[in-house]
Amino acid sequence: MKQLVEILAKALVDQPEKVVVDMIEKDKSIVIELKVAPEDMGKVIGKQGRIARAIRTVVKAAATRQKKKVVVEII
């Protein structure tokens, strides 16, 4: 999951070296925190949050194989 979010985020931003992805694993859920440079925030969120929603959808689809709930937070 962490690698998937990292690959997607690095493909979207101008400064891929500043992309940081942290994964916090709990019993049946995983929280993935995505941090990018302030000037790249708009590129990761997109107009009306469309890109952020797409990233969350892809990660949730991948998480169904592991039968875990995944939450992607953009910080």
N, C-alpha and C. Protein backbone atom coordinates (compact mmCIF):
# COMPACT_ATOMS: atom_id res chain seq x y z
N MET A 1 0.82 -1.19 0.00
CA MET A 1 0.00 0.00 0.00
C MET A 1 0.87 1.26 0.00
N LYS A 2 1.86 1.26 0.87
CA LYS A 2 2.72 2.43 0.99
C LYS A 2 3.43 2.72 -0.32
N GLN A 3 3.93 1.70 -0.97
CA GLN A 3 4.63 1.88 -2.24
C GLN A 3 3.69 2.37 -3.32
N LEU A 4 2.47 1.90 -3.31
CA LEU A 4 1.49 2.32 -4.31
C LEU A 4 1.21 3.81 -4.20
N VAL A 5 0.98 4.30 -2.99
CA VAL A 5 0.73 5.72 -2.78
C VAL A 5 1.95 6.55 -3.15
N GLU A 6 3.12 6.04 -2.80
CA GLU A 6 4.36 6.76 -3.10
C GLU A 6 4.59 6.89 -4.61
N ILE A 7 4.35 5.83 -5.34
CA ILE A 7 4.52 5.87 -6.80
C ILE A 7 3.52 6.83 -7.44
N LEU A 8 2.28 6.77 -7.01
CA LEU A 8 1.25 7.68 -7.56
C LEU A 8 1.59 9.13 -7.26
N ALA A 9 1.99 9.42 -6.03
CA ALA A 9 2.28 10.80 -5.65
C ALA A 9 3.51 11.34 -6.38
N LYS A 10 4.55 10.53 -6.49
CA LYS A 10 5.76 10.99 -7.16
C LYS A 10 5.52 11.27 -8.64
N ALA A 11 4.57 10.56 -9.24
CA ALA A 11 4.26 10.79 -10.65
C ALA A 11 3.51 12.11 -10.85
N LEU A 12 2.86 12.60 -9.81
CA LEU A 12 2.03 13.80 -9.94
C LEU A 12 2.77 15.10 -9.64
N VAL A 13 3.76 15.08 -8.77
CA VAL A 13 4.36 16.31 -8.26
C VAL A 13 5.60 16.74 -9.05
N ASP A 14 6.00 18.00 -8.83
CA ASP A 14 7.21 18.54 -9.45
C ASP A 14 8.47 18.21 -8.64
N GLN A 15 8.30 18.00 -7.34
CA GLN A 15 9.43 17.71 -6.45
C GLN A 15 9.24 16.32 -5.81
N PRO A 16 9.51 15.26 -6.57
CA PRO A 16 9.28 13.91 -6.04
C PRO A 16 10.17 13.55 -4.85
N GLU A 17 11.29 14.25 -4.69
CA GLU A 17 12.17 13.95 -3.56
C GLU A 17 11.57 14.39 -2.23
N LYS A 18 10.56 15.25 -2.25
CA LYS A 18 9.94 15.73 -1.01
C LYS A 18 8.68 14.94 -0.65
N VAL A 19 8.38 13.89 -1.39
CA VAL A 19 7.22 13.05 -1.08
C VAL A 19 7.59 12.10 0.05
N VAL A 20 6.79 12.12 1.12
CA VAL A 20 7.01 11.24 2.27
C VAL A 20 5.71 10.51 2.55
N VAL A 21 5.80 9.19 2.64
CA VAL A 21 4.63 8.36 2.91
C VAL A 21 4.89 7.57 4.18
N ASP A 22 4.00 7.72 5.17
CA ASP A 22 4.10 6.96 6.41
C ASP A 22 2.89 6.04 6.52
N MET A 23 3.11 4.84 7.04
CA MET A 23 2.02 3.89 7.18
C MET A 23 1.89 3.50 8.65
N ILE A 24 0.69 3.66 9.18
CA ILE A 24 0.39 3.30 10.56
C ILE A 24 -0.60 2.14 10.50
N GLU A 25 -0.17 0.97 10.98
CA GLU A 25 -1.00 -0.22 10.88
C GLU A 25 -1.63 -0.53 12.22
N LYS A 26 -2.94 -0.74 12.20
CA LYS A 26 -3.69 -1.10 13.41
C LYS A 26 -4.26 -2.50 13.19
N ASP A 27 -5.20 -2.91 14.03
CA ASP A 27 -5.75 -4.27 13.95
C ASP A 27 -6.28 -4.61 12.55
N LYS A 28 -7.35 -3.95 12.16
CA LYS A 28 -7.95 -4.24 10.86
C LYS A 28 -7.95 -3.04 9.94
N SER A 29 -7.17 -2.03 10.28
CA SER A 29 -7.14 -0.84 9.44
C SER A 29 -5.71 -0.34 9.28
N ILE A 30 -5.51 0.41 8.21
CA ILE A 30 -4.21 1.00 7.92
C ILE A 30 -4.43 2.48 7.61
N VAL A 31 -3.63 3.34 8.22
CA VAL A 31 -3.67 4.77 7.93
C VAL A 31 -2.39 5.12 7.17
N ILE A 32 -2.56 5.69 5.98
CA ILE A 32 -1.42 6.09 5.17
C ILE A 32 -1.40 7.60 5.11
N GLU A 33 -0.31 8.19 5.59
CA GLU A 33 -0.16 9.64 5.60
C GLU A 33 0.76 10.05 4.45
N LEU A 34 0.29 10.96 3.62
CA LEU A 34 1.04 11.43 2.46
C LEU A 34 1.41 12.89 2.69
N LYS A 35 2.71 13.16 2.65
CA LYS A 35 3.20 14.52 2.81
C LYS A 35 3.95 14.92 1.55
N VAL A 36 3.62 16.11 1.02
CA VAL A 36 4.29 16.63 -0.18
C VAL A 36 4.70 18.07 0.09
N ALA A 37 5.50 18.63 -0.80
CA ALA A 37 5.89 20.03 -0.69
C ALA A 37 4.65 20.91 -0.80
N PRO A 38 4.62 22.05 -0.09
CA PRO A 38 3.43 22.91 -0.11
C PRO A 38 3.01 23.35 -1.51
N GLU A 39 3.98 23.59 -2.39
CA GLU A 39 3.62 24.03 -3.74
C GLU A 39 3.06 22.89 -4.60
N ASP A 40 3.23 21.65 -4.18
CA ASP A 40 2.69 20.49 -4.91
C ASP A 40 1.37 20.01 -4.34
N MET A 41 0.90 20.63 -3.28
CA MET A 41 -0.33 20.18 -2.63
C MET A 41 -1.52 20.19 -3.58
N GLY A 42 -1.64 21.23 -4.38
CA GLY A 42 -2.75 21.33 -5.32
C GLY A 42 -2.74 20.24 -6.37
N LYS A 43 -1.57 19.81 -6.77
CA LYS A 43 -1.46 18.75 -7.77
C LYS A 43 -1.89 17.40 -7.23
N VAL A 44 -1.68 17.19 -5.95
CA VAL A 44 -2.07 15.92 -5.33
C VAL A 44 -3.57 15.92 -5.02
N ILE A 45 -4.11 17.07 -4.65
CA ILE A 45 -5.53 17.15 -4.32
C ILE A 45 -6.38 17.26 -5.58
N GLY A 46 -5.99 18.09 -6.52
CA GLY A 46 -6.73 18.24 -7.77
C GLY A 46 -7.94 19.14 -7.61
N LYS A 47 -8.58 19.44 -8.73
CA LYS A 47 -9.77 20.28 -8.70
C LYS A 47 -10.89 19.54 -7.99
N GLN A 48 -11.45 20.21 -7.00
CA GLN A 48 -12.54 19.68 -6.17
C GLN A 48 -12.19 18.32 -5.56
N GLY A 49 -10.89 18.06 -5.36
CA GLY A 49 -10.47 16.83 -4.70
C GLY A 49 -10.54 15.58 -5.55
N ARG A 50 -10.60 15.74 -6.85
CA ARG A 50 -10.77 14.57 -7.73
C ARG A 50 -9.57 13.64 -7.72
N ILE A 51 -8.37 14.18 -7.75
CA ILE A 51 -7.17 13.33 -7.76
C ILE A 51 -7.01 12.62 -6.42
N ALA A 52 -7.26 13.35 -5.33
CA ALA A 52 -7.18 12.73 -4.00
C ALA A 52 -8.20 11.60 -3.88
N ARG A 53 -9.39 11.82 -4.39
CA ARG A 53 -10.43 10.79 -4.35
C ARG A 53 -10.02 9.59 -5.19
N ALA A 54 -9.38 9.83 -6.33
CA ALA A 54 -8.93 8.74 -7.19
C ALA A 54 -7.84 7.92 -6.52
N ILE A 55 -6.91 8.60 -5.86
CA ILE A 55 -5.85 7.89 -5.12
C ILE A 55 -6.46 7.01 -4.04
N ARG A 56 -7.41 7.57 -3.31
CA ARG A 56 -8.07 6.79 -2.23
C ARG A 56 -8.81 5.58 -2.80
N THR A 57 -9.45 5.75 -3.95
CA THR A 57 -10.19 4.65 -4.58
C THR A 57 -9.26 3.53 -5.00
N VAL A 58 -8.13 3.87 -5.60
CA VAL A 58 -7.17 2.85 -6.04
C VAL A 58 -6.61 2.10 -4.83
N VAL A 59 -6.29 2.82 -3.78
CA VAL A 59 -5.73 2.18 -2.58
C VAL A 59 -6.77 1.30 -1.90
N LYS A 60 -8.01 1.75 -1.84
CA LYS A 60 -9.06 0.92 -1.24
C LYS A 60 -9.29 -0.35 -2.05
N ALA A 61 -9.21 -0.24 -3.37
CA ALA A 61 -9.37 -1.43 -4.21
C ALA A 61 -8.24 -2.43 -3.95
N ALA A 62 -7.02 -1.93 -3.78
CA ALA A 62 -5.89 -2.81 -3.48
C ALA A 62 -6.01 -3.40 -2.08
N ALA A 63 -6.63 -2.67 -1.16
CA ALA A 63 -6.76 -3.14 0.22
C ALA A 63 -7.80 -4.24 0.38
N THR A 64 -8.75 -4.32 -0.54
CA THR A 64 -9.78 -5.35 -0.41
C THR A 64 -9.20 -6.75 -0.52
N ARG A 65 -8.07 -6.87 -1.21
CA ARG A 65 -7.41 -8.18 -1.29
C ARG A 65 -6.90 -8.62 0.07
N GLN A 66 -6.47 -7.66 0.89
CA GLN A 66 -5.94 -7.98 2.21
C GLN A 66 -7.01 -7.93 3.29
N LYS A 67 -8.23 -7.61 2.89
CA LYS A 67 -9.37 -7.53 3.81
C LYS A 67 -9.10 -6.57 4.96
N LYS A 68 -8.57 -5.40 4.60
CA LYS A 68 -8.31 -4.35 5.60
C LYS A 68 -8.90 -3.05 5.11
N LYS A 69 -9.20 -2.17 6.05
CA LYS A 69 -9.71 -0.85 5.72
C LYS A 69 -8.52 0.11 5.66
N VAL A 70 -8.46 0.89 4.60
CA VAL A 70 -7.35 1.81 4.41
C VAL A 70 -7.87 3.23 4.33
N VAL A 71 -7.19 4.13 5.05
CA VAL A 71 -7.52 5.54 5.03
C VAL A 71 -6.27 6.29 4.55
N VAL A 72 -6.41 7.11 3.51
CA VAL A 72 -5.30 7.90 3.00
C VAL A 72 -5.52 9.33 3.42
N GLU A 73 -4.57 9.88 4.19
CA GLU A 73 -4.63 11.26 4.65
C GLU A 73 -3.55 12.07 3.96
N ILE A 74 -3.92 13.20 3.39
CA ILE A 74 -2.95 14.09 2.77
C ILE A 74 -2.66 15.20 3.76
N ILE A 75 -1.41 15.28 4.20
CA ILE A 75 -1.02 16.23 5.24
C ILE A 75 -0.21 17.35 4.62
